[in-house]
C-alpha atoms as a PDB file:
ATOM      1  CA  UNK A   1       6.168 -18.448   4.881  1.00  0.00           C
ATOM      2  CA  UNK A   2       9.418 -17.313   6.422  1.00  0.00           C
ATOM      3  CA  UNK A   3      10.164 -18.288  10.038  1.00  0.00           C
ATOM      4  CA  UNK A   4      10.635 -14.592  10.867  1.00  0.00           C
ATOM      5  CA  UNK A   5       7.000 -13.858  10.005  1.00  0.00           C
ATOM      6  CA  UNK A   6       5.781 -16.826  12.019  1.00  0.00           C
ATOM      7  CA  UNK A   7       7.716 -15.576  15.053  1.00  0.00           C
ATOM      8  CA  UNK A   8       6.284 -12.096  14.541  1.00  0.00           C
ATOM      9  CA  UNK A   9       2.753 -13.534  14.396  1.00  0.00           C
ATOM     10  CA  UNK A  10       3.278 -15.406  17.648  1.00  0.00           C
ATOM     11  CA  UNK A  11       4.560 -12.208  19.260  1.00  0.00           C
ATOM     12  CA  UNK A  12       1.482 -10.309  18.055  1.00  0.00           C
ATOM     13  CA  UNK A  13      -0.779 -13.030  19.432  1.00  0.00           C
ATOM     14  CA  UNK A  14       0.878 -12.840  22.842  1.00  0.00           C
ATOM     15  CA  UNK A  15       1.189  -9.034  22.887  1.00  0.00           C
ATOM     16  CA  UNK A  16      -1.586  -7.541  20.714  1.00  0.00           C
ATOM     17  CA  UNK A  17      -1.225  -3.942  19.496  1.00  0.00           C
ATOM     18  CA  UNK A  18      -3.000  -1.113  21.284  1.00  0.00           C
ATOM     19  CA  UNK A  19      -6.466  -0.011  20.134  1.00  0.00           C
ATOM     20  CA  UNK A  20      -4.978   3.227  18.827  1.00  0.00           C
ATOM     21  CA  UNK A  21      -2.521   1.376  16.609  1.00  0.00           C
ATOM     22  CA  UNK A  22      -5.262  -0.954  15.387  1.00  0.00           C
ATOM     23  CA  UNK A  23      -7.384   2.101  14.488  1.00  0.00           C
ATOM     24  CA  UNK A  24      -4.415   3.613  12.621  1.00  0.00           C
ATOM     25  CA  UNK A  25      -3.881   0.414  10.626  1.00  0.00           C
ATOM     26  CA  UNK A  26      -7.598   0.180   9.835  1.00  0.00           C
ATOM     27  CA  UNK A  27      -7.608   3.836   8.747  1.00  0.00           C
ATOM     28  CA  UNK A  28      -4.675   3.325   6.392  1.00  0.00           C
ATOM     29  CA  UNK A  29      -6.336   0.254   4.862  1.00  0.00           C
ATOM     30  CA  UNK A  30      -9.626   2.141   4.379  1.00  0.00           C
ATOM     31  CA  UNK A  31      -7.780   5.084   2.787  1.00  0.00           C
ATOM     32  CA  UNK A  32      -6.006   2.735   0.367  1.00  0.00           C
ATOM     33  CA  UNK A  33      -9.288   1.060  -0.554  1.00  0.00           C
ATOM     34  CA  UNK A  34     -10.906   4.466  -1.151  1.00  0.00           C
ATOM     35  CA  UNK A  35      -8.059   5.513  -3.433  1.00  0.00           C
ATOM     36  CA  UNK A  36      -8.286   2.262  -5.404  1.00  0.00           C
ATOM     37  CA  UNK A  37     -12.057   2.644  -5.682  1.00  0.00           C
ATOM     38  CA  UNK A  38     -11.792   6.248  -6.888  1.00  0.00           C
ATOM     39  CA  UNK A  39      -9.158   5.261  -9.436  1.00  0.00           C
ATOM     40  CA  UNK A  40     -11.343   2.422 -10.703  1.00  0.00           C
ATOM     41  CA  UNK A  41     -14.472   4.621 -10.844  1.00  0.00           C
ATOM     42  CA  UNK A  42     -13.025   7.786 -12.422  1.00  0.00           C
ATOM     43  CA  UNK A  43      -9.942   6.321 -14.060  1.00  0.00           C
ATOM     44  CA  UNK A  44      -6.331   7.447 -14.018  1.00  0.00           C
ATOM     45  CA  UNK A  45      -5.774  11.108 -15.017  1.00  0.00           C
ATOM     46  CA  UNK A  46      -3.966  11.661 -18.303  1.00  0.00           C
ATOM     47  CA  UNK A  47      -1.732  14.292 -16.703  1.00  0.00           C
ATOM     48  CA  UNK A  48      -0.182  11.635 -14.449  1.00  0.00           C
ATOM     49  CA  UNK A  49       0.411   9.101 -17.210  1.00  0.00           C
ATOM     50  CA  UNK A  50       4.015   8.694 -18.308  1.00  0.00           C
ATOM     51  CA  UNK A  51       4.510   8.750 -22.056  1.00  0.00           C
ATOM     52  CA  UNK A  52       7.342   6.579 -23.338  1.00  0.00           C
ATOM     53  CA  UNK A  53      10.220   8.591 -24.798  1.00  0.00           C
ATOM     54  CA  UNK A  54      11.330   5.897 -27.191  1.00  0.00           C
ATOM     55  CA  UNK A  55      14.746   4.280 -27.166  1.00  0.00           C
ATOM     56  CA  UNK A  56      16.509   7.270 -25.628  1.00  0.00           C
ATOM     57  CA  UNK A  57      17.380   5.556 -22.368  1.00  0.00           C
ATOM     58  CA  UNK A  58      18.916   7.462 -19.487  1.00  0.00           C
ATOM     59  CA  UNK A  59      20.506  10.871 -19.887  1.00  0.00           C
ATOM     60  CA  UNK A  60      24.246  10.834 -19.396  1.00  0.00           C
END
């Protein structure tokens, strides 16, 4: 683990985030888990799947 992250953790322990920010973080995590669960349950839509174009590469 990088020393920067350890210093950030010590700062968070000494100055915890506000309850509103903690609720925002929890909401984002729950939303991500819901999206992953829906994708696992129903699968990825074919319309959003990228089809390989072959060996064409980038357009110039």
